[in-house]
Amino acid sequence: MGTSGPLAADPASGAATSPLAWEARAEPLERARLLRGQSVQQVGPQGLLYVQQRELAVTSPKDGSISILGSDDATTCHIVVLRHTGNGATCLTHCDGTDTKAEVPLIMNSIKSFSDHAQSGRLEVHLVGGFSDDRQLSQKLTHQLLSEFDKQEDDIHLVTLCVTELNDREENENHFPIIYGIAVNIKTAEIYRATFQDRGPEEELRAARALAGGPMISIYDAKTEQLQIGPYSWMPFPHVDFWLQQDDKQILENLSTSPLAEPPHFVQHIRSTLMFLKKYPSPTNTLFPGNKALLYKKNKDGLWEKISPPGS
């Protein structure tokens, strides 16, 4: 989803290009073709960790609670998967171009936080999302991500490149993404097209943080196998009453980066998020008692269950 808030140049043209972008060029494009050709799978909540815009989550095959990381509703946004083939540590994040320069090191460090990073294996990155949008926001984000990953000291192997015009379809002279969402199986490393009914826990709270301008954050502690939400703070959302009075067309045109390409539930999602921001203009004490994080853990059925923070 692109709330407000073409590709690396071809070497044949002689224009500057990123070595990362074109390493083993055929493979990332072939992987993209295969991914585009898949049917979309509906992913259930069992064992799923859903990642919202401006969130990242990292875990490994040793995790007894999480087997799937996923995200969807990406229009101009890109979903990034970085994986270490040796220890299987996998990070998935939903990037919107707010601060790519700061976000890529966060993604890298999340994988390096697994102590056995030094073992044999390589770092593989998969980039999915965006389309040929009028404002070229997707193109800009593709360039930013390729450029920032290329600047990292580690060798990073580009395995899937399914972004911008490689993820574009045209209908009645309007452009749309082909793939809006993906999931990655932590155990098998399979990446596949996906959609999700359950985007929780605390879907509205997490969406409100992003709409209010919060930066990219890590939401999951693989050591304790706990989802940690907050504590967050934000300033009252400007003109929230004005936006809530607007019709669907105004909300779509003004609060989306790509009005024509948004999924059908976009406007309702924005309205409910704005209502949440109106209800909680200053969330620190109301939503986070004692200024402590909200903690969730998977129960024996693989579903999220709220747990009490230590010492409460």
Protein backbone atom coordinates (compact mmCIF):
# COMPACT_ATOMS: atom_id res chain seq x y z
CA MET A 1 0.00 0.00 0.00
CA GLY A 2 1.40 3.36 -0.87
CA THR A 3 0.26 5.83 1.70
CA SER A 4 1.69 9.34 1.36
CA GLY A 5 4.05 9.42 3.31
CA PRO A 6 11.96 1.78 -15.10
CA LEU A 7 14.71 -0.12 -13.26
CA ALA A 8 18.50 0.20 -12.99
CA ALA A 9 19.85 1.30 -16.36
CA ASP A 10 20.72 -1.43 -18.85
CA PRO A 11 24.46 -1.97 -19.23
CA ALA A 12 23.97 -2.16 -22.99
CA SER A 13 22.87 1.46 -23.02
CA GLY A 14 26.14 2.58 -21.49
CA ALA A 15 24.36 4.27 -18.58
CA ALA A 16 25.58 3.87 -15.03
CA THR A 17 24.22 0.81 -13.28
CA SER A 18 24.60 -1.01 -9.99
CA PRO A 19 26.77 -4.17 -10.03
CA LEU A 20 24.29 -5.74 -7.60
CA ALA A 21 21.40 -5.11 -9.97
CA TRP A 22 22.95 -6.96 -12.86
CA GLU A 23 24.92 -9.73 -11.21
CA ALA A 24 23.81 -12.99 -12.84
CA ARG A 25 21.22 -10.85 -14.56
CA ALA A 26 19.27 -13.71 -16.13
CA GLU A 27 18.53 -15.49 -12.85
CA PRO A 28 16.74 -12.64 -10.99
CA LEU A 29 14.60 -11.91 -14.05
CA GLU A 30 13.76 -15.59 -14.57
CA ARG A 31 12.79 -15.88 -10.89
CA ALA A 32 10.55 -12.84 -11.39
CA ARG A 33 8.88 -14.46 -14.40
CA LEU A 34 8.15 -17.63 -12.44
CA LEU A 35 6.81 -15.62 -9.49
CA ARG A 36 4.49 -13.55 -11.72
CA GLY A 37 3.11 -16.76 -13.21
CA GLN A 38 2.02 -18.21 -9.87
CA SER A 39 -1.53 -18.15 -8.59
CA VAL A 40 -2.06 -16.16 -5.39
CA GLN A 41 -2.23 -18.22 -2.19
CA GLN A 42 -4.47 -17.25 0.71
CA VAL A 43 -2.25 -17.55 3.81
CA GLY A 44 -3.93 -18.38 7.10
CA PRO A 45 -2.94 -17.01 10.51
CA GLN A 46 -1.29 -20.18 11.89
CA GLY A 47 2.46 -19.67 12.21
CA LEU A 48 2.26 -16.37 10.30
CA LEU A 49 4.03 -13.15 11.21
CA TYR A 50 2.44 -10.38 9.13
CA VAL A 51 4.63 -7.35 8.43
CA GLN A 52 3.02 -3.96 7.83
CA GLN A 53 4.39 -0.90 6.00
CA ARG A 54 7.58 0.43 7.66
CA GLU A 55 8.03 -2.74 9.73
CA LEU A 56 10.65 -5.45 9.55
CA ALA A 57 10.74 -8.88 11.09
CA VAL A 58 13.57 -11.40 11.21
CA THR A 59 13.73 -14.99 12.38
CA SER A 60 15.30 -18.35 11.46
CA PRO A 61 14.30 -21.99 10.95
CA LYS A 62 15.00 -22.59 14.66
CA ASP A 63 11.89 -20.55 15.51
CA GLY A 64 9.26 -22.82 17.03
CA SER A 65 6.46 -20.26 16.64
CA ILE A 66 6.84 -18.60 13.24
CA SER A 67 7.08 -20.50 9.97
CA ILE A 68 5.92 -17.77 7.53
CA LEU A 69 6.74 -14.08 7.13
CA GLY A 70 4.50 -12.10 4.80
CA SER A 71 3.22 -8.72 3.67
CA ASP A 72 0.83 -7.41 1.01
CA ASP A 73 -1.00 -4.29 -0.21
CA ALA A 74 2.23 -3.05 -1.82
CA THR A 75 1.52 -0.72 -4.74
CA THR A 76 4.49 1.66 -5.12
CA CYS A 77 6.08 0.03 -2.04
CA HIS A 78 8.59 -2.84 -2.32
CA ILE A 79 8.72 -5.96 -0.18
CA VAL A 80 12.30 -6.96 0.57
CA VAL A 81 13.45 -10.41 1.69
CA LEU A 82 17.06 -10.85 2.82
CA ARG A 83 18.21 -14.35 3.73
CA HIS A 84 21.45 -16.00 4.86
CA THR A 85 21.67 -19.39 3.16
CA GLY A 86 23.91 -20.83 5.90
CA ASN A 87 21.81 -20.31 9.02
CA GLY A 88 18.50 -19.60 7.26
CA ALA A 89 18.04 -16.27 9.06
CA THR A 90 15.38 -14.40 7.08
CA CYS A 91 14.25 -10.78 7.20
CA LEU A 92 11.13 -9.46 5.48
CA THR A 93 10.30 -5.78 5.33
CA HIS A 94 7.78 -3.51 3.60
CA CYS A 95 9.62 -0.40 2.32
CA ASP A 96 7.89 2.75 1.10
CA GLY A 97 10.92 4.90 0.26
CA THR A 98 10.68 7.13 3.32
CA ASP A 99 14.31 6.63 4.36
CA THR A 100 15.85 3.80 2.32
CA LYS A 101 19.38 4.92 3.23
CA ALA A 102 18.69 4.19 6.93
CA GLU A 103 16.48 1.15 6.33
CA VAL A 104 18.91 -1.03 4.37
CA PRO A 105 21.51 -1.05 7.21
CA LEU A 106 18.68 -1.98 9.61
CA ILE A 107 17.80 -4.93 7.37
CA MET A 108 21.46 -5.97 7.17
CA ASN A 109 21.99 -5.71 10.93
CA SER A 110 18.86 -7.72 11.65
CA ILE A 111 20.38 -10.69 9.80
CA LYS A 112 23.81 -10.16 11.37
CA SER A 113 22.23 -10.26 14.85
CA PHE A 114 22.04 -14.05 14.51
CA SER A 115 25.26 -15.22 16.20
CA ASP A 116 26.10 -17.93 13.67
CA HIS A 117 26.22 -15.43 10.79
CA ALA A 118 29.88 -16.26 10.18
CA GLN A 119 29.10 -19.82 9.09
CA SER A 120 29.32 -20.72 5.41
CA GLY A 121 26.60 -19.52 3.12
CA ARG A 122 25.74 -16.29 1.34
CA LEU A 123 23.36 -13.36 1.65
CA GLU A 124 20.54 -13.41 -0.88
CA VAL A 125 18.11 -10.58 -1.52
CA HIS A 126 14.70 -10.68 -3.20
CA LEU A 127 12.95 -7.45 -4.27
CA VAL A 128 9.25 -7.55 -5.17
CA GLY A 129 6.71 -4.79 -5.74
CA GLY A 130 5.99 -1.50 -7.42
CA PHE A 131 4.81 -0.88 -10.98
CA SER A 132 5.11 1.73 -13.75
CA ASP A 133 3.30 4.44 -11.80
CA ASP A 134 2.80 7.96 -13.19
CA ARG A 135 4.88 9.64 -10.50
CA GLN A 136 7.74 7.14 -10.94
CA LEU A 137 7.81 6.49 -7.19
CA SER A 138 8.33 2.76 -7.77
CA GLN A 139 11.24 3.42 -10.11
CA LYS A 140 12.84 5.74 -7.56
CA LEU A 141 12.47 3.17 -4.77
CA THR A 142 13.92 0.39 -6.95
CA HIS A 143 16.98 2.56 -7.66
CA GLN A 144 17.35 3.47 -3.96
CA LEU A 145 17.20 -0.14 -2.77
CA LEU A 146 19.62 -1.47 -5.39
CA SER A 147 22.01 1.40 -4.72
CA GLU A 148 21.94 1.04 -0.92
CA PHE A 149 22.37 -2.75 -0.96
CA ASP A 150 25.26 -2.27 -3.36
CA LYS A 151 26.98 0.09 -0.88
CA GLN A 152 27.05 -2.54 1.88
CA GLU A 153 30.41 -4.12 2.70
CA ASP A 154 29.03 -7.66 2.52
CA ASP A 155 28.56 -9.57 -0.73
CA ILE A 156 24.83 -9.63 -1.43
CA HIS A 157 23.45 -11.78 -4.21
CA LEU A 158 20.37 -10.53 -6.04
CA VAL A 159 18.19 -13.60 -6.57
CA THR A 160 14.75 -12.19 -7.41
CA LEU A 161 14.09 -8.85 -9.12
CA CYS A 162 10.35 -8.42 -9.66
CA VAL A 163 9.93 -4.67 -9.36
CA THR A 164 8.54 -1.65 -11.19
CA GLU A 165 8.11 -2.46 -14.92
CA LEU A 166 8.93 -6.13 -14.24
CA ASN A 167 5.83 -6.19 -11.98
CA ASP A 168 3.58 -4.09 -14.19
CA ARG A 169 0.39 -4.85 -16.09
CA GLU A 170 -1.66 -2.46 -18.20
CA GLU A 171 -5.44 -2.36 -18.44
CA ASN A 172 -7.43 0.33 -20.27
CA GLU A 173 -4.28 2.48 -20.41
CA ASN A 174 -3.91 2.32 -16.61
CA HIS A 175 -1.01 0.57 -14.91
CA PHE A 176 -1.26 -1.84 -11.95
CA PRO A 177 1.14 -4.09 -10.03
CA ILE A 178 0.91 -7.78 -10.89
CA ILE A 179 2.07 -8.88 -7.44
CA TYR A 180 0.78 -7.01 -4.38
CA GLY A 181 1.98 -9.42 -1.69
CA ILE A 182 4.38 -12.27 -0.95
CA ALA A 183 5.13 -14.76 1.80
CA VAL A 184 8.37 -16.57 2.60
CA ASN A 185 8.51 -19.99 4.24
CA ILE A 186 11.26 -19.74 6.87
CA LYS A 187 11.96 -23.50 6.84
CA THR A 188 12.12 -24.07 3.07
CA ALA A 189 13.05 -20.54 1.86
CA GLU A 190 10.21 -20.70 -0.70
CA ILE A 191 8.84 -17.28 -1.73
CA TYR A 192 5.36 -17.17 -3.23
CA ARG A 193 2.53 -14.79 -4.13
CA ALA A 194 0.21 -14.35 -1.18
CA THR A 195 -2.71 -12.53 0.32
CA PHE A 196 -3.67 -12.41 4.00
CA GLN A 197 -6.96 -12.14 5.87
CA ASP A 198 -5.32 -11.66 9.26
CA ARG A 199 -2.99 -8.66 9.39
CA GLY A 200 -2.82 -8.48 13.17
CA PRO A 201 -2.33 -8.37 15.99
CA GLU A 202 -3.05 -4.69 16.69
CA GLU A 203 -3.51 -3.97 12.98
CA GLU A 204 -4.97 -0.47 13.49
CA LEU A 205 -2.37 0.56 16.06
CA ARG A 206 0.49 -0.50 13.81
CA ALA A 207 -1.07 1.17 10.75
CA ALA A 208 -1.61 4.37 12.75
CA ARG A 209 2.08 4.52 13.67
CA ALA A 210 3.06 4.35 9.99
CA LEU A 211 0.44 6.87 8.82
CA ALA A 212 1.56 9.25 11.58
CA GLY A 213 5.09 9.16 10.13
CA GLY A 214 6.86 6.57 12.29
CA PRO A 215 10.18 5.21 10.98
CA MET A 216 11.05 1.62 10.02
CA ILE A 217 11.14 -0.60 13.13
CA SER A 218 11.77 -4.23 14.03
CA ILE A 219 8.69 -5.86 15.59
CA TYR A 220 9.76 -9.38 16.54
CA ASP A 221 12.23 -10.88 19.00
CA ALA A 222 13.26 -14.28 17.65
CA LYS A 223 15.02 -15.20 20.92
CA THR A 224 11.87 -14.93 23.03
CA GLU A 225 9.58 -15.63 20.04
CA GLN A 226 7.53 -12.58 20.98
CA LEU A 227 5.97 -9.85 18.87
CA GLN A 228 6.72 -6.50 20.53
CA ILE A 229 4.48 -3.55 19.71
CA GLY A 230 5.48 -0.14 21.02
CA PRO A 231 5.53 1.81 23.10
CA TYR A 232 4.88 4.32 20.32
CA SER A 233 4.33 8.04 20.42
CA TRP A 234 3.06 10.34 17.72
CA MET A 235 1.85 13.89 17.34
CA PRO A 236 -1.88 14.50 16.78
CA PHE A 237 -2.61 13.84 13.09
CA PRO A 238 -3.05 17.21 11.30
CA HIS A 239 -6.59 18.01 10.11
CA VAL A 240 -7.89 14.55 11.03
CA ASP A 241 -11.52 15.78 11.20
CA PHE A 242 -11.19 17.36 7.77
CA TRP A 243 -9.93 14.10 6.23
CA LEU A 244 -12.66 12.05 7.90
CA GLN A 245 -15.28 14.31 6.29
CA GLN A 246 -13.93 13.76 2.76
CA ASP A 247 -15.50 11.34 0.30
CA ASP A 248 -13.74 8.19 -0.88
CA LYS A 249 -12.44 9.88 -4.05
CA GLN A 250 -10.73 12.67 -2.09
CA ILE A 251 -9.12 10.21 0.34
CA LEU A 252 -7.90 8.02 -2.51
CA GLU A 253 -6.49 10.95 -4.51
CA ASN A 254 -4.80 12.68 -1.57
CA LEU A 255 -3.69 9.90 0.79
CA SER A 256 -2.47 7.32 -1.72
CA THR A 257 0.72 7.33 -3.78
CA SER A 258 -1.14 5.44 -6.56
CA PRO A 259 -4.92 6.06 -6.44
CA LEU A 260 -5.89 3.88 -9.40
CA ALA A 261 -3.88 0.85 -8.28
CA GLU A 262 -4.92 0.51 -4.65
CA PRO A 263 -6.71 -2.66 -3.46
CA PRO A 264 -10.49 -2.30 -2.88
CA HIS A 265 -10.17 -2.05 0.91
CA PHE A 266 -7.69 0.86 0.82
CA VAL A 267 -10.14 3.69 1.60
CA GLN A 268 -11.82 1.78 4.44
CA HIS A 269 -8.37 0.99 5.85
CA ILE A 270 -7.38 4.68 5.76
CA ARG A 271 -10.68 5.75 7.35
CA SER A 272 -10.34 3.26 10.22
CA THR A 273 -6.70 4.32 10.73
CA LEU A 274 -7.70 8.01 10.82
CA MET A 275 -10.48 7.20 13.32
CA PHE A 276 -7.88 5.44 15.46
CA LEU A 277 -5.55 8.47 15.29
CA LYS A 278 -8.46 10.74 16.25
CA LYS A 279 -9.36 8.54 19.20
CA TYR A 280 -5.74 8.32 20.39
CA PRO A 281 -4.04 11.66 19.55
CA SER A 282 -1.32 10.88 22.09
CA PRO A 283 -1.00 7.13 22.58
CA THR A 284 1.83 6.78 25.08
CA ASN A 285 -0.16 6.29 28.29
CA THR A 286 -3.56 5.33 26.90
CA LEU A 287 -2.41 2.45 24.67
CA PHE A 288 0.76 1.48 26.51
CA PRO A 289 0.06 1.29 30.26
CA GLY A 290 3.19 2.06 32.23
CA ASN A 291 4.84 2.96 28.90
CA LYS A 292 5.48 -0.75 28.29
CA ALA A 293 5.34 -2.67 25.02
CA LEU A 294 2.35 -4.81 24.13
CA LEU A 295 3.62 -8.38 23.88
CA TYR A 296 2.16 -11.23 21.86
CA LYS A 297 3.20 -14.86 21.55
CA LYS A 298 1.86 -17.71 19.43
CA ASN A 299 -0.28 -20.22 21.32
CA LYS A 300 -0.35 -23.97 20.70
CA ASP A 301 -2.77 -23.42 17.80
CA GLY A 302 -0.30 -21.07 16.09
CA LEU A 303 -2.39 -17.93 16.79
CA TRP A 304 -1.29 -14.71 18.51
CA GLU A 305 -2.14 -14.35 22.18
CA LYS A 306 -1.47 -11.29 24.33
CA ILE A 307 0.88 -11.92 27.25
CA SER A 308 1.73 -9.83 30.31
CA PRO A 309 5.02 -7.96 30.25
CA PRO A 310 7.64 -9.03 32.81
CA GLY A 311 7.18 -7.47 36.24
CA SER A 312 3.57 -6.44 35.60
